[in-house]
Structures are given as structure tokens and as C-alpha cells.
C-alpha atoms as a PDB file:
ATOM      1  CA  MET A   1      18.157   3.648 -12.816  1.00  0.00           C
ATOM      2  CA  ILE A   2      14.438   3.660 -13.728  1.00  0.00           C
ATOM      3  CA  HIS A   3      12.330   4.191 -10.625  1.00  0.00           C
ATOM      4  CA  HIS A   4       8.749   3.379  -9.780  1.00  0.00           C
ATOM      5  CA  ARG A   5       6.466   6.209 -10.847  1.00  0.00           C
ATOM      6  CA  PRO A   6       4.298   7.245  -7.884  1.00  0.00           C
ATOM      7  CA  ALA A   7       0.621   8.074  -8.245  1.00  0.00           C
ATOM      8  CA  MET A   8      -1.044  11.458  -7.749  1.00  0.00           C
ATOM      9  CA  VAL A   9       2.137  13.355  -6.872  1.00  0.00           C
ATOM     10  CA  GLU A  10       0.678  16.814  -7.500  1.00  0.00           C
ATOM     11  CA  GLU A  11      -2.358  15.990  -5.376  1.00  0.00           C
ATOM     12  CA  VAL A  12      -0.133  14.731  -2.535  1.00  0.00           C
ATOM     13  CA  ILE A  13       1.879  17.951  -2.478  1.00  0.00           C
ATOM     14  CA  SER A  14      -1.277  20.062  -2.655  1.00  0.00           C
ATOM     15  CA  ALA A  15      -2.750  18.133   0.282  1.00  0.00           C
ATOM     16  CA  LEU A  16       0.348  18.170   2.513  1.00  0.00           C
ATOM     17  CA  GLU A  17       1.388  21.761   1.703  1.00  0.00           C
ATOM     18  CA  PRO A  18       5.008  21.075   2.804  1.00  0.00           C
ATOM     19  CA  GLN A  19       6.941  23.848   4.578  1.00  0.00           C
ATOM     20  CA  SER A  20      10.711  24.111   4.969  1.00  0.00           C
ATOM     21  CA  ASP A  21      10.517  24.039   8.763  1.00  0.00           C
ATOM     22  CA  GLY A  22       8.184  21.033   8.757  1.00  0.00           C
ATOM     23  CA  CYS A  23       8.735  17.321   9.268  1.00  0.00           C
ATOM     24  CA  TYR A  24       6.905  14.775   7.122  1.00  0.00           C
ATOM     25  CA  VAL A  25       6.633  10.982   7.202  1.00  0.00           C
ATOM     26  CA  ASP A  26       6.219   8.867   4.082  1.00  0.00           C
ATOM     27  CA  CYS A  27       4.937   5.705   5.739  1.00  0.00           C
ATOM     28  CA  THR A  28       5.276   3.535   2.618  1.00  0.00           C
ATOM     29  CA  ALA A  29       8.291   5.118   0.983  1.00  0.00           C
ATOM     30  CA  GLY A  30       9.061   2.397  -1.561  1.00  0.00           C
ATOM     31  CA  GLU A  31      11.651   3.735  -3.992  1.00  0.00           C
ATOM     32  CA  GLY A  32      11.169   7.270  -2.696  1.00  0.00           C
ATOM     33  CA  GLY A  33       9.019   8.829  -5.413  1.00  0.00           C
ATOM     34  CA  HIS A  34       6.624  10.696  -3.145  1.00  0.00           C
ATOM     35  CA  SER A  35       9.447  11.413  -0.694  1.00  0.00           C
ATOM     36  CA  GLU A  36      11.458  13.083  -3.442  1.00  0.00           C
ATOM     37  CA  ALA A  37       8.482  15.222  -4.456  1.00  0.00           C
ATOM     38  CA  ILE A  38       7.947  16.360  -0.848  1.00  0.00           C
ATOM     39  CA  LEU A  39      11.627  17.248  -0.446  1.00  0.00           C
ATOM     40  CA  LYS A  40      11.661  19.183  -3.721  1.00  0.00           C
ATOM     41  CA  SER A  41       8.425  21.049  -2.989  1.00  0.00           C
ATOM     42  CA  CYS A  42      10.072  23.886  -1.066  1.00  0.00           C
ATOM     43  CA  GLU A  43      13.509  25.448  -0.559  1.00  0.00           C
ATOM     44  CA  PRO A  44      15.218  24.625   1.693  1.00  0.00           C
ATOM     45  CA  ALA A  45      13.855  21.083   1.791  1.00  0.00           C
ATOM     46  CA  PRO A  46      11.793  19.991   4.801  1.00  0.00           C
ATOM     47  CA  ARG A  47      12.755  17.088   7.043  1.00  0.00           C
ATOM     48  CA  LEU A  48      11.467  13.734   5.781  1.00  0.00           C
ATOM     49  CA  VAL A  49      11.343  10.258   7.310  1.00  0.00           C
ATOM     50  CA  GLY A  50      10.534   7.332   5.042  1.00  0.00           C
ATOM     51  CA  LEU A  51       9.399   3.903   6.239  1.00  0.00           C
ATOM     52  CA  ASP A  52       9.202   0.655   4.298  1.00  0.00           C
ATOM     53  CA  LEU A  53       9.442  -3.080   4.938  1.00  0.00           C
ATOM     54  CA  ASP A  54      11.299  -3.725   1.680  1.00  0.00           C
ATOM     55  CA  PRO A  55      15.102  -3.375   2.048  1.00  0.00           C
ATOM     56  CA  ASP A  56      15.598  -3.405  -1.740  1.00  0.00           C
ATOM     57  CA  ALA A  57      13.184  -0.509  -2.174  1.00  0.00           C
ATOM     58  CA  LEU A  58      14.908   1.415   0.613  1.00  0.00           C
ATOM     59  CA  LEU A  59      18.282   1.001  -1.096  1.00  0.00           C
ATOM     60  CA  ALA A  60      16.782   2.545  -4.220  1.00  0.00           C
ATOM     61  CA  ALA A  61      15.174   5.324  -2.169  1.00  0.00           C
ATOM     62  CA  ARG A  62      18.420   6.191  -0.376  1.00  0.00           C
ATOM     63  CA  ASP A  63      20.189   6.440  -3.720  1.00  0.00           C
ATOM     64  CA  ARG A  64      17.397   8.557  -5.171  1.00  0.00           C
ATOM     65  CA  LEU A  65      17.403  10.945  -2.201  1.00  0.00           C
ATOM     66  CA  SER A  66      21.155  11.085  -1.581  1.00  0.00           C
ATOM     67  CA  ASP A  67      21.405  14.744  -2.623  1.00  0.00           C
ATOM     68  CA  PHE A  68      19.202  15.736   0.307  1.00  0.00           C
ATOM     69  CA  GLY A  69      21.673  14.416   2.877  1.00  0.00           C
ATOM     70  CA  GLU A  70      20.421  14.435   6.461  1.00  0.00           C
ATOM     71  CA  ARG A  71      17.109  15.987   5.436  1.00  0.00           C
ATOM     72  CA  ALA A  72      15.948  12.496   4.365  1.00  0.00           C
ATOM     73  CA  THR A  73      16.098   9.401   6.584  1.00  0.00           C
ATOM     74  CA  MET A  74      14.934   5.992   5.363  1.00  0.00           C
ATOM     75  CA  VAL A  75      14.035   3.319   7.944  1.00  0.00           C
ATOM     76  CA  GLU A  76      13.151  -0.356   7.476  1.00  0.00           C
ATOM     77  CA  ALA A  77       9.949  -0.541   9.490  1.00  0.00           C
ATOM     78  CA  ASN A  78       6.232  -1.260   9.299  1.00  0.00           C
ATOM     79  CA  TYR A  79       4.141   1.895   9.102  1.00  0.00           C
ATOM     80  CA  VAL A  80       2.115   0.797  12.129  1.00  0.00           C
ATOM     81  CA  ASN A  81       5.252   1.773  14.102  1.00  0.00           C
ATOM     82  CA  VAL A  82       5.254   5.340  12.777  1.00  0.00           C
ATOM     83  CA  VAL A  83       5.018   6.929  16.246  1.00  0.00           C
ATOM     84  CA  SER A  84       8.027   5.134  17.707  1.00  0.00           C
ATOM     85  CA  VAL A  85      10.153   5.653  14.586  1.00  0.00           C
ATOM     86  CA  ALA A  86       9.301   9.350  14.286  1.00  0.00           C
ATOM     87  CA  SER A  87       9.930   9.845  17.994  1.00  0.00           C
ATOM     88  CA  LYS A  88      13.394   8.264  17.861  1.00  0.00           C
ATOM     89  CA  LEU A  89      14.314  10.506  14.936  1.00  0.00           C
ATOM     90  CA  GLY A  90      13.065  13.701  16.554  1.00  0.00           C
ATOM     91  CA  CYS A  91      10.191  14.096  14.099  1.00  0.00           C
ATOM     92  CA  LEU A  92       7.299  13.993  16.561  1.00  0.00           C
ATOM     93  CA  PRO A  93       4.796  15.528  16.325  1.00  0.00           C
ATOM     94  CA  CYS A  94       5.023  15.808  12.558  1.00  0.00           C
ATOM     95  CA  ASP A  95       3.373  18.108  10.043  1.00  0.00           C
ATOM     96  CA  GLY A  96       2.180  15.507   7.573  1.00  0.00           C
ATOM     97  CA  VAL A  97       1.877  11.760   7.058  1.00  0.00           C
ATOM     98  CA  LEU A  98       1.451   9.954   3.742  1.00  0.00           C
ATOM     99  CA  LEU A  99       0.177   6.384   3.393  1.00  0.00           C
ATOM    100  CA  ASP A 100       0.377   5.022  -0.160  1.00  0.00           C
ATOM    101  CA  LEU A 101      -0.990   1.489   0.047  1.00  0.00           C
ATOM    102  CA  GLY A 102       0.067   0.350  -3.425  1.00  0.00           C
ATOM    103  CA  VAL A 103       2.628  -2.232  -4.550  1.00  0.00           C
ATOM    104  CA  SER A 104       5.699  -0.770  -6.242  1.00  0.00           C
ATOM    105  CA  SER A 105       6.962  -1.531  -9.721  1.00  0.00           C
ATOM    106  CA  LEU A 106      10.160  -2.868  -8.153  1.00  0.00           C
ATOM    107  CA  GLN A 107       8.164  -5.523  -6.319  1.00  0.00           C
ATOM    108  CA  LEU A 108       5.970  -6.379  -9.299  1.00  0.00           C
ATOM    109  CA  ASN A 109       8.849  -6.501 -11.757  1.00  0.00           C
ATOM    110  CA  THR A 110      11.261  -8.515  -9.596  1.00  0.00           C
ATOM    111  CA  ALA A 111      10.254 -12.039 -10.562  1.00  0.00           C
ATOM    112  CA  GLU A 112      11.673 -13.788  -7.500  1.00  0.00           C
ATOM    113  CA  ARG A 113       9.384 -11.759  -5.208  1.00  0.00           C
ATOM    114  CA  GLY A 114       6.396 -13.744  -6.507  1.00  0.00           C
ATOM    115  CA  PHE A 115       3.915 -10.866  -6.805  1.00  0.00           C
ATOM    116  CA  SER A 116       3.236 -11.384 -10.504  1.00  0.00           C
ATOM    117  CA  PHE A 117       1.814 -14.451 -12.229  1.00  0.00           C
ATOM    118  CA  LEU A 118       3.255 -13.289 -15.544  1.00  0.00           C
ATOM    119  CA  LYS A 119       6.730 -14.507 -14.605  1.00  0.00           C
ATOM    120  CA  GLU A 120       7.916 -17.854 -13.244  1.00  0.00           C
ATOM    121  CA  SER A 121       8.769 -17.443  -9.577  1.00  0.00           C
ATOM    122  CA  SER A 122       8.445 -18.985  -6.157  1.00  0.00           C
ATOM    123  CA  LEU A 123       5.274 -18.166  -4.225  1.00  0.00           C
ATOM    124  CA  ASP A 124       6.595 -15.522  -1.845  1.00  0.00           C
ATOM    125  CA  MET A 125       4.704 -12.163  -1.958  1.00  0.00           C
ATOM    126  CA  ARG A 126       6.226 -10.843   1.267  1.00  0.00           C
ATOM    127  CA  PHE A 127       6.849  -7.091   1.400  1.00  0.00           C
ATOM    128  CA  GLY A 128      10.021  -7.739   3.395  1.00  0.00           C
ATOM    129  CA  PRO A 129      12.000 -10.449   5.205  1.00  0.00           C
ATOM    130  CA  SER A 130      10.377  -9.594   8.542  1.00  0.00           C
ATOM    131  CA  VAL A 131       7.011 -10.878   7.258  1.00  0.00           C
ATOM    132  CA  GLU A 132       6.787 -14.397   8.635  1.00  0.00           C
ATOM    133  CA  ARG A 133       4.402 -16.316   6.359  1.00  0.00           C
ATOM    134  CA  SER A 134       4.707 -16.524   2.573  1.00  0.00           C
ATOM    135  CA  ALA A 135       2.079 -17.199  -0.088  1.00  0.00           C
ATOM    136  CA  HIS A 136       3.579 -20.684  -0.512  1.00  0.00           C
ATOM    137  CA  GLU A 137       2.459 -21.641   2.991  1.00  0.00           C
ATOM    138  CA  ILE A 138      -1.008 -20.145   2.607  1.00  0.00           C
ATOM    139  CA  VAL A 139      -1.659 -21.817  -0.754  1.00  0.00           C
ATOM    140  CA  ASN A 140      -0.389 -25.215   0.308  1.00  0.00           C
ATOM    141  CA  GLU A 141      -1.584 -25.398   3.922  1.00  0.00           C
ATOM    142  CA  THR A 142      -4.939 -23.578   4.165  1.00  0.00           C
ATOM    143  CA  ASP A 143      -8.023 -25.808   4.067  1.00  0.00           C
ATOM    144  CA  GLU A 144     -10.448 -25.422   1.170  1.00  0.00           C
ATOM    145  CA  GLU A 145     -13.213 -23.533   2.982  1.00  0.00           C
ATOM    146  CA  ASP A 146     -10.850 -21.021   4.583  1.00  0.00           C
ATOM    147  CA  LEU A 147      -8.984 -20.565   1.307  1.00  0.00           C
ATOM    148  CA  ALA A 148     -12.252 -19.855  -0.521  1.00  0.00           C
ATOM    149  CA  ASP A 149     -13.243 -17.325   2.140  1.00  0.00           C
ATOM    150  CA  LEU A 150      -9.847 -15.645   1.852  1.00  0.00           C
ATOM    151  CA  ILE A 151     -10.055 -15.384  -1.950  1.00  0.00           C
ATOM    152  CA  TYR A 152     -13.593 -14.018  -1.798  1.00  0.00           C
ATOM    153  CA  GLY A 153     -13.099 -11.675   1.153  1.00  0.00           C
ATOM    154  CA  LEU A 154      -9.764 -10.160   0.116  1.00  0.00           C
ATOM    155  CA  GLY A 155     -10.073 -10.469  -3.645  1.00  0.00           C
ATOM    156  CA  ASP A 156     -13.768  -9.929  -4.365  1.00  0.00           C
ATOM    157  CA  GLU A 157     -13.538 -13.089  -6.469  1.00  0.00           C
ATOM    158  CA  ARG A 158     -17.003 -14.493  -7.204  1.00  0.00           C
ATOM    159  CA  LYS A 159     -15.583 -17.852  -8.341  1.00  0.00           C
ATOM    160  CA  SER A 160     -13.686 -18.303  -5.075  1.00  0.00           C
ATOM    161  CA  ARG A 161     -15.237 -21.692  -4.212  1.00  0.00           C
ATOM    162  CA  ARG A 162     -14.412 -23.178  -7.579  1.00  0.00           C
ATOM    163  CA  ILE A 163     -10.875 -21.749  -7.508  1.00  0.00           C
ATOM    164  CA  ALA A 164     -10.188 -22.947  -3.964  1.00  0.00           C
ATOM    165  CA  ARG A 165     -11.392 -26.447  -4.845  1.00  0.00           C
ATOM    166  CA  ALA A 166      -9.077 -26.542  -7.868  1.00  0.00           C
ATOM    167  CA  ILE A 167      -6.115 -25.286  -5.843  1.00  0.00           C
ATOM    168  CA  VAL A 168      -6.570 -27.868  -3.112  1.00  0.00           C
ATOM    169  CA  SER A 169      -6.935 -30.654  -5.701  1.00  0.00           C
ATOM    170  CA  ALA A 170      -3.741 -29.627  -7.504  1.00  0.00           C
ATOM    171  CA  ARG A 171      -1.519 -29.051  -4.462  1.00  0.00           C
ATOM    172  CA  PRO A 172       1.368 -28.768  -3.781  1.00  0.00           C
ATOM    173  CA  PHE A 173       2.347 -25.603  -5.653  1.00  0.00           C
ATOM    174  CA  ASP A 174       5.860 -24.217  -6.002  1.00  0.00           C
ATOM    175  CA  SER A 175       5.548 -21.473  -8.626  1.00  0.00           C
ATOM    176  CA  THR A 176       3.418 -18.479  -9.551  1.00  0.00           C
ATOM    177  CA  THR A 177       2.788 -19.627 -13.111  1.00  0.00           C
ATOM    178  CA  GLN A 178       1.720 -23.090 -11.953  1.00  0.00           C
ATOM    179  CA  LEU A 179      -0.837 -21.552  -9.609  1.00  0.00           C
ATOM    180  CA  ALA A 180      -2.061 -19.049 -12.217  1.00  0.00           C
ATOM    181  CA  ALA A 181      -2.646 -21.825 -14.752  1.00  0.00           C
ATOM    182  CA  VAL A 182      -4.806 -23.813 -12.321  1.00  0.00           C
ATOM    183  CA  ILE A 183      -6.818 -20.694 -11.443  1.00  0.00           C
ATOM    184  CA  ALA A 184      -7.352 -19.903 -15.133  1.00  0.00           C
ATOM    185  CA  ARG A 185      -8.659 -23.415 -15.815  1.00  0.00           C
ATOM    186  CA  ALA A 186     -10.942 -23.286 -12.775  1.00  0.00           C
ATOM    187  CA  ALA A 187     -12.356 -19.974 -13.984  1.00  0.00           C
ATOM    188  CA  GLY A 188     -12.976 -21.423 -17.437  1.00  0.00           C
ATOM    189  CA  TRP A 189     -10.642 -18.950 -19.141  1.00  0.00           C
ATOM    190  CA  SER A 190      -9.547 -19.629 -22.715  1.00  0.00           C
ATOM    191  CA  GLY A 191      -7.133 -16.704 -22.929  1.00  0.00           C
ATOM    192  CA  ARG A 192      -9.423 -14.679 -25.183  1.00  0.00           C
ATOM    193  CA  GLY A 193     -12.104 -12.061 -24.676  1.00  0.00           C
ATOM    194  CA  ARG A 194     -11.141 -10.994 -21.167  1.00  0.00           C
ATOM    195  CA  ARG A 195      -8.920  -8.037 -20.327  1.00  0.00           C
ATOM    196  CA  ILE A 196      -8.135  -9.030 -16.735  1.00  0.00           C
ATOM    197  CA  HIS A 197      -6.425 -12.359 -16.121  1.00  0.00           C
ATOM    198  CA  PRO A 198      -8.607 -14.573 -13.873  1.00  0.00           C
ATOM    199  CA  ALA A 199      -5.721 -15.026 -11.409  1.00  0.00           C
ATOM    200  CA  THR A 200      -5.557 -11.290 -10.677  1.00  0.00           C
ATOM    201  CA  ARG A 201      -8.021 -11.230  -7.795  1.00  0.00           C
ATOM    202  CA  THR A 202      -6.696 -14.418  -6.200  1.00  0.00           C
ATOM    203  CA  PHE A 203      -3.128 -13.121  -6.288  1.00  0.00           C
ATOM    204  CA  GLN A 204      -4.349  -9.851  -4.778  1.00  0.00           C
ATOM    205  CA  ALA A 205      -6.052 -11.761  -1.971  1.00  0.00           C
ATOM    206  CA  LEU A 206      -2.929 -13.816  -1.260  1.00  0.00           C
ATOM    207  CA  ARG A 207      -0.698 -10.722  -1.184  1.00  0.00           C
ATOM    208  CA  ILE A 208      -3.047  -8.956   1.219  1.00  0.00           C
ATOM    209  CA  ALA A 209      -3.214 -12.016   3.477  1.00  0.00           C
ATOM    210  CA  VAL A 210       0.562 -12.558   3.482  1.00  0.00           C
ATOM    211  CA  ASN A 211       1.296  -8.978   4.528  1.00  0.00           C
ATOM    212  CA  ALA A 212      -1.747  -8.491   6.803  1.00  0.00           C
ATOM    213  CA  GLU A 213      -2.489  -5.368   4.793  1.00  0.00           C
ATOM    214  CA  LEU A 214      -6.075  -4.840   5.902  1.00  0.00           C
ATOM    215  CA  ASP A 215      -5.245  -5.398   9.565  1.00  0.00           C
ATOM    216  CA  ASN A 216      -2.566  -2.732   9.280  1.00  0.00           C
ATOM    217  CA  ILE A 217      -4.784  -0.051   7.753  1.00  0.00           C
ATOM    218  CA  ASP A 218      -6.852   0.824  10.821  1.00  0.00           C
ATOM    219  CA  THR A 219      -3.835   0.522  13.124  1.00  0.00           C
ATOM    220  CA  GLY A 220      -1.711   2.582  10.747  1.00  0.00           C
ATOM    221  CA  ILE A 221      -4.282   5.370  10.513  1.00  0.00           C
ATOM    222  CA  ARG A 222      -4.719   5.428  14.284  1.00  0.00           C
ATOM    223  CA  GLU A 223      -0.950   5.652  14.805  1.00  0.00           C
ATOM    224  CA  ALA A 224      -0.574   8.280  12.069  1.00  0.00           C
ATOM    225  CA  ILE A 225      -3.114  10.470  13.874  1.00  0.00           C
ATOM    226  CA  LYS A 226      -1.071  10.165  17.073  1.00  0.00           C
ATOM    227  CA  ALA A 227       2.048  11.220  15.172  1.00  0.00           C
ATOM    228  CA  LEU A 228       0.503  14.421  13.776  1.00  0.00           C
ATOM    229  CA  LYS A 229       0.496  17.839  15.391  1.00  0.00           C
ATOM    230  CA  PRO A 230      -2.781  19.821  15.370  1.00  0.00           C
ATOM    231  CA  GLY A 231      -3.310  21.053  11.829  1.00  0.00           C
ATOM    232  CA  GLY A 232      -1.099  18.298  10.407  1.00  0.00           C
ATOM    233  CA  ARG A 233      -2.402  16.479   7.352  1.00  0.00           C
ATOM    234  CA  LEU A 234      -2.951  12.760   6.781  1.00  0.00           C
ATOM    235  CA  VAL A 235      -3.068  11.633   3.147  1.00  0.00           C
ATOM    236  CA  VAL A 236      -4.037   8.053   2.278  1.00  0.00           C
ATOM    237  CA  ILE A 237      -3.943   6.536  -1.225  1.00  0.00           C
ATOM    238  CA  SER A 238      -5.613   3.152  -1.758  1.00  0.00           C
ATOM    239  CA  TYR A 239      -5.880   1.025  -4.899  1.00  0.00           C
ATOM    240  CA  HIS A 240      -8.858  -1.283  -4.586  1.00  0.00           C
ATOM    241  CA  SER A 241     -12.350  -1.096  -3.176  1.00  0.00           C
ATOM    242  CA  ILE A 242     -11.676  -3.149  -0.042  1.00  0.00           C
ATOM    243  CA  GLU A 243      -8.845  -0.856   1.033  1.00  0.00           C
ATOM    244  CA  ASP A 244     -10.772   2.294   0.207  1.00  0.00           C
ATOM    245  CA  ARG A 245     -13.804   1.168   2.213  1.00  0.00           C
ATOM    246  CA  LEU A 246     -11.594   0.566   5.252  1.00  0.00           C
ATOM    247  CA  VAL A 247      -9.847   3.916   4.853  1.00  0.00           C
ATOM    248  CA  LYS A 248     -13.168   5.738   4.401  1.00  0.00           C
ATOM    249  CA  THR A 249     -14.651   4.074   7.488  1.00  0.00           C
ATOM    250  CA  ALA A 250     -11.580   4.706   9.644  1.00  0.00           C
ATOM    251  CA  LEU A 251     -11.385   8.391   8.726  1.00  0.00           C
ATOM    252  CA  ARG A 252     -15.122   8.861   9.234  1.00  0.00           C
ATOM    253  CA  GLU A 253     -15.029   7.227  12.673  1.00  0.00           C
ATOM    254  CA  LYS A 254     -12.064   9.324  13.785  1.00  0.00           C
ATOM    255  CA  SER A 255     -13.752  12.436  12.411  1.00  0.00           C
ATOM    256  CA  THR A 256     -17.087  11.993  14.182  1.00  0.00           C
ATOM    257  CA  GLY A 257     -15.800  10.678  17.498  1.00  0.00           C
ATOM    258  CA  THR A 258     -17.930   8.753  19.961  1.00  0.00           C
ATOM    259  CA  GLN A 259     -20.073  11.558  21.398  1.00  0.00           C
ATOM    260  CA  GLY A 260     -21.491  13.543  18.524  1.00  0.00           C
ATOM    261  CA  GLY A 261     -18.074  14.796  17.450  1.00  0.00           C
ATOM    262  CA  ALA A 262     -16.817  15.771  20.921  1.00  0.00           C
ATOM    263  CA  ASN A 263     -14.056  13.161  20.827  1.00  0.00           C
ATOM    264  CA  ALA A 264     -13.147  13.539  17.160  1.00  0.00           C
ATOM    265  CA  SER A 265      -9.431  13.618  16.378  1.00  0.00           C
ATOM    266  CA  LEU A 266      -9.741  14.487  12.672  1.00  0.00           C
ATOM    267  CA  LYS A 267     -11.662  16.623  10.262  1.00  0.00           C
ATOM    268  CA  GLN A 268     -11.975  15.410   6.689  1.00  0.00           C
ATOM    269  CA  VAL A 269     -10.566  17.956   4.273  1.00  0.00           C
ATOM    270  CA  THR A 270     -12.524  16.566   1.340  1.00  0.00           C
ATOM    271  CA  LYS A 271     -15.727  14.563   1.690  1.00  0.00           C
ATOM    272  CA  LYS A 272     -15.443  12.964  -1.743  1.00  0.00           C
ATOM    273  CA  VAL A 273     -12.638  10.659  -2.773  1.00  0.00           C
ATOM    274  CA  ILE A 274     -10.028  12.200  -5.095  1.00  0.00           C
ATOM    275  CA  LYS A 275      -9.130  10.297  -8.260  1.00  0.00           C
ATOM    276  CA  PRO A 276      -6.212  10.731 -10.676  1.00  0.00           C
ATOM    277  CA  SER A 277      -6.683  12.979 -13.662  1.00  0.00           C
ATOM    278  CA  ARG A 278      -7.332  11.564 -17.110  1.00  0.00           C
ATOM    279  CA  ALA A 279      -3.914  12.877 -18.209  1.00  0.00           C
ATOM    280  CA  GLU A 280      -2.159  11.003 -15.411  1.00  0.00           C
ATOM    281  CA  ILE A 281      -4.002   7.772 -16.159  1.00  0.00           C
ATOM    282  CA  GLU A 282      -2.995   8.039 -19.816  1.00  0.00           C
ATOM    283  CA  SER A 283       0.667   8.539 -18.910  1.00  0.00           C
ATOM    284  CA  ASN A 284       0.783   6.149 -15.942  1.00  0.00           C
ATOM    285  CA  ARG A 285      -1.686   3.251 -16.262  1.00  0.00           C
ATOM    286  CA  ARG A 286      -0.901   1.919 -12.805  1.00  0.00           C
ATOM    287  CA  SER A 287      -2.427   5.064 -11.287  1.00  0.00           C
ATOM    288  CA  ARG A 288      -5.886   4.377 -12.721  1.00  0.00           C
ATOM    289  CA  SER A 289      -7.247   2.674  -9.596  1.00  0.00           C
ATOM    290  CA  ALA A 290      -5.728   5.153  -7.110  1.00  0.00           C
ATOM    291  CA  ARG A 291      -8.110   6.772  -4.628  1.00  0.00           C
ATOM    292  CA  MET A 292      -6.990   9.557  -2.282  1.00  0.00           C
ATOM    293  CA  ARG A 293      -8.536  10.726   0.991  1.00  0.00           C
ATOM    294  CA  ILE A 294      -7.301  13.640   3.112  1.00  0.00           C
ATOM    295  CA  ALA A 295      -7.870  14.504   6.777  1.00  0.00           C
ATOM    296  CA  GLU A 296      -6.470  17.077   9.209  1.00  0.00           C
ATOM    297  CA  ARG A 297      -5.554  16.577  12.860  1.00  0.00           C
ATOM    298  CA  LEU A 298      -7.695  18.536  15.292  1.00  0.00           C
END
């Protein structure tokens, strides 16, 4: 089986510094790529708990990590519930928490999930069955002004008003390719001279809205801090500017506290964002937008 290739694996291991007697939580385990690297980083393997909303990804992760037996436990859960999950599994406080905010290859390449406009599919985009509202409902039920605000705010799409107007005029939509074609026409795209498809930012915005991704970031970081023991590391990887700004702000606020640092719960290990190496980008194009930030529990 060909698995999703995780981003910045060496940097994750360097940041977490896993120890055999430690317990680590991969909050967005996906197919288990980072989890596998953490488990293989020392001998004997540490304890690892992986969380994900996607049951298909967790099946792949369990298969991938089967050789580690009880050292690896995969749980279908939202990472905002990291404290309760880790507590139930006897992994609290933990030595390290990883948050990789990207979408996996399994999700992108499974047409029926509706994440990609390159393949005919229903408009779903949910990370897992527990997510209540799909992209189909948002696209077909949101009024024009709110839809334009969503596309602009979550997708950084400058043509959001024009795209929203075209979507509302062409509703109802049932498929990804149907929606992508309308967006392309609204953006005035001929199919030539542009590397990024004009539907990219709108699809990003819809995916973020469906899964409440931005709402979860601050909550997830706050809960991850609670889960860590003093000296434990928090590693967050984001993939677009909106996410990274939220991560940067959240870590800075938790690092400075409310009274000149007296109430700080974190110290930032690196002040500057860490980016993938040129060699990694050349071998794994999906890593090119990855941005890593590291903090330590006080």
C-alpha cells in the first residue's frame, strides 16, 4: 500500500526529541506517517496516541503501525479533545504533541470525498462522518454576501464577489467539477498561462468552513498545552498563510501571558518559522507550503 508522505519528518523528530519512556500524541495522525517516524526514532519505541476524524485514514494508520503493537493506539476523535483522549489512555501529561494541519493524500486522491476539483465527485469535503455539514449544503444554501465573505476570508480569493455571484446564479450544484467550471468562468480563466487553477482558493475556503478548521486551531493549541508536562514540546505544521497567522498569534499569546509574561504557559523554541528544505520540496511537492512552529511547556 502506498501511504501519504508526511512533511518535515526530520524536523518533527528533532523538535520532539522522543524518548523511550515518553508518551507522544499525534493529534492529526492521518495515515500514520509522522506517528511511524516517532515510534521508530528510539529503541524501544515510545508510547504514541494518534487522533484523527477520518476512519479510512485510521484504518491505514493501524495497518502501518501494526508492528508496534500496544505502543501505538489510534483513536477516531477531533484533536480539540486531546486532553480527554490522552487521559483515558493513561498518556497524561504527555511529553510531546504534534499538530499537522494538512490534508492527506488519501483524502485528496479519494474522489468521492470531494476535496479535489480534478475528479468528478459529490460536494462533501468532510474530514469524517461526525462532521455535520458538507460543502454541498454550504454551496447551495449560503446567501451571496456570506458566501463571498467566506471565500475571501478563508481562501484569500480577491475575486470572491464575482465568484459568489456566479455560484448563486448557477445553483444548485451536485459535483466538484461542475462547481470548478463555474468558478473558472467567473474568474475569466481560459486554461492557459496560469499555474494555479482558479478554483483552488474557493475549494480551500469551503474545506476550511466545512470542518471548522480555523475555529479548532486556537482551541486545539490551548488543549495541547494542557496535555503537556513541563518541558514537553508542541509542534504545529500549517500549510497556508491564514493557518500560520493563527498559529503564530496563539503561540505568541500563550508565550507572553497576560501580565508581562507572568502567566505564560509556553516558551517559543524558535522565533522564526521553519520551512522545508529545498531537497524535501524537490522530492515531495506537497511539502512546499509547510510551515513549522515549535513551543515548550513551562
